[in-house]
Amino acid sequence: MTHDDKEFKWQTKFEGAREVLFGYRILSFNILNIFNERLYEVCTTFAYCMKVIKVILGCRMIIWRVQGKRSFSKHWLFSILKIISNIFYFNIFLLYQITNIFILLLFFSSTSSTFVRFFFQV
């Protein structure tokens, strides 16, 4: 086996490994993108549910004020719901933003390697 054959064999293995790595990068990008879409659906669903709950609680507060009872905003149930919703929504929104950052990083890393491979034939 000549030196050129050995170099060609090594170069072929390197090309194959790069293709596999590129495939895994695209696959992980797709998986993260699907996860991010589901997370966005959870965020919006939770936000809509909280809006409905706030409307119901607001109506209840108006009824209580008309009846002359104490303010519903001081009620323990309203306070607990407010705390839970704020914590839960903030955590999901933060996770959504973190996955957006990972998706952008994966996208730019995969497109840059494609750009280099296409234009410079490395």
Protein backbone atom coordinates (compact mmCIF):
# COMPACT_ATOMS: atom_id res chain seq x y z
CA MET A 1 0.00 0.00 0.00
CA THR A 2 1.49 3.30 -1.02
CA HIS A 3 1.52 6.51 0.92
CA ASP A 4 -1.22 7.97 -1.33
CA ASP A 5 -3.49 4.97 -0.68
CA LYS A 6 -3.04 5.36 3.08
CA GLU A 7 -3.80 9.07 2.88
CA PHE A 8 -6.89 8.44 0.72
CA LYS A 9 -8.11 5.80 3.18
CA TRP A 10 -7.59 8.17 6.13
CA GLN A 11 -9.33 10.99 4.27
CA THR A 12 -12.30 8.73 3.45
CA LYS A 13 -12.66 7.75 7.11
CA PHE A 14 -12.46 11.41 8.11
CA GLU A 15 -15.17 12.33 5.57
CA GLY A 16 -17.42 9.53 6.88
CA ALA A 17 -16.96 10.62 10.48
CA ARG A 18 -17.74 14.22 9.54
CA GLU A 19 -20.91 13.13 7.73
CA VAL A 20 -22.05 11.12 10.77
CA LEU A 21 -21.34 14.06 13.07
CA PHE A 22 -23.24 16.39 10.75
CA GLY A 23 -26.17 13.94 10.69
CA TYR A 24 -26.28 13.79 14.49
CA ARG A 25 -26.19 17.57 14.65
CA ILE A 26 -29.15 17.86 12.27
CA LEU A 27 -31.04 15.14 14.18
CA SER A 28 -30.48 16.88 17.52
CA PHE A 29 -31.54 20.17 15.93
CA ASN A 30 -34.81 18.57 14.78
CA ILE A 31 -35.47 16.95 18.16
CA LEU A 32 -34.83 20.22 19.99
CA ASN A 33 -37.06 22.06 17.55
CA ILE A 34 -39.94 19.62 18.15
CA PHE A 35 -39.40 19.87 21.92
CA ASN A 36 -39.41 23.66 21.68
CA GLU A 37 -42.68 23.67 19.73
CA ARG A 38 -44.34 21.46 22.37
CA LEU A 39 -42.97 23.67 25.11
CA TYR A 40 -44.41 26.73 23.37
CA GLU A 41 -47.80 24.99 23.21
CA VAL A 42 -47.61 24.26 26.95
CA CYS A 43 -46.68 27.90 27.63
CA THR A 44 -49.57 29.30 25.61
CA THR A 45 -52.06 26.76 27.02
CA PHE A 46 -51.00 27.59 30.55
CA ALA A 47 -51.24 31.32 29.83
CA TYR A 48 -54.78 30.90 28.47
CA CYS A 49 -55.79 28.79 31.47
CA MET A 50 -54.45 31.44 33.83
CA LYS A 51 -56.36 34.14 31.96
CA VAL A 52 -59.58 32.14 32.30
CA ILE A 53 -58.92 31.61 36.01
CA LYS A 54 -58.21 35.33 36.47
CA VAL A 55 -61.46 36.22 34.70
CA ILE A 56 -63.41 33.80 36.91
CA LEU A 57 -61.70 35.13 40.02
CA GLY A 58 -62.32 38.71 38.86
CA CYS A 59 -66.03 37.98 38.44
CA ARG A 60 -66.11 36.37 41.86
CA MET A 61 -64.38 39.42 43.33
CA ILE A 62 -67.00 41.74 41.79
CA ILE A 63 -69.80 39.59 43.20
CA TRP A 64 -68.20 39.61 46.65
CA ARG A 65 -67.74 43.39 46.59
CA VAL A 66 -71.37 43.89 45.57
CA GLN A 67 -72.41 41.64 48.45
CA GLY A 68 -70.23 43.68 50.80
CA LYS A 69 -67.76 40.94 51.66
CA ARG A 70 -64.02 41.37 51.97
CA SER A 71 -61.83 41.80 48.92
CA PHE A 72 -61.12 38.60 47.07
CA SER A 73 -57.55 39.69 46.34
CA LYS A 74 -56.80 39.15 50.03
CA HIS A 75 -58.27 35.66 49.92
CA TRP A 76 -55.79 32.83 50.51
CA LEU A 77 -56.87 30.93 47.38
CA PHE A 78 -56.10 33.90 45.13
CA SER A 79 -52.67 34.35 46.74
CA ILE A 80 -51.75 30.69 46.30
CA LEU A 81 -52.91 30.64 42.68
CA LYS A 82 -50.96 33.79 41.95
CA ILE A 83 -47.73 32.39 43.42
CA ILE A 84 -48.07 29.01 41.67
CA SER A 85 -48.88 30.56 38.32
CA ASN A 86 -45.98 33.00 38.48
CA ILE A 87 -43.43 30.35 39.43
CA PHE A 88 -44.70 27.76 36.94
CA TYR A 89 -45.03 30.17 34.04
CA PHE A 90 -41.62 31.74 34.68
CA ASN A 91 -39.89 28.34 34.78
CA ILE A 92 -41.54 27.13 31.58
CA PHE A 93 -40.83 30.40 29.80
CA LEU A 94 -37.19 30.27 30.93
CA LEU A 95 -36.85 26.68 29.68
CA TYR A 96 -38.42 27.75 26.38
CA GLN A 97 -35.87 30.55 25.96
CA ILE A 98 -32.96 28.23 26.83
CA THR A 99 -34.05 25.72 24.19
CA ASN A 100 -34.36 28.59 21.70
CA ILE A 101 -30.73 29.49 22.38
CA PHE A 102 -29.65 25.86 21.91
CA ILE A 103 -31.58 25.63 18.66
CA LEU A 104 -29.93 28.80 17.36
CA LEU A 105 -26.49 27.51 18.34
CA LEU A 106 -27.13 24.17 16.64
CA PHE A 107 -28.53 25.86 13.56
CA PHE A 108 -25.57 28.20 13.16
CA SER A 109 -23.04 25.45 13.83
CA SER A 110 -24.67 23.13 11.29
CA THR A 111 -25.07 25.82 8.63
CA SER A 112 -21.51 27.05 9.09
CA SER A 113 -20.10 23.54 8.57
CA THR A 114 -22.32 23.13 5.50
CA PHE A 115 -21.13 26.50 4.20
CA VAL A 116 -17.49 25.58 4.70
CA ARG A 117 -17.92 22.16 3.13
CA PHE A 118 -19.87 23.48 0.14
CA PHE A 119 -17.71 26.46 -0.74
CA PHE A 120 -14.26 25.29 0.26
CA GLN A 121 -14.68 21.53 -0.28
CA VAL A 122 -12.82 20.73 2.94
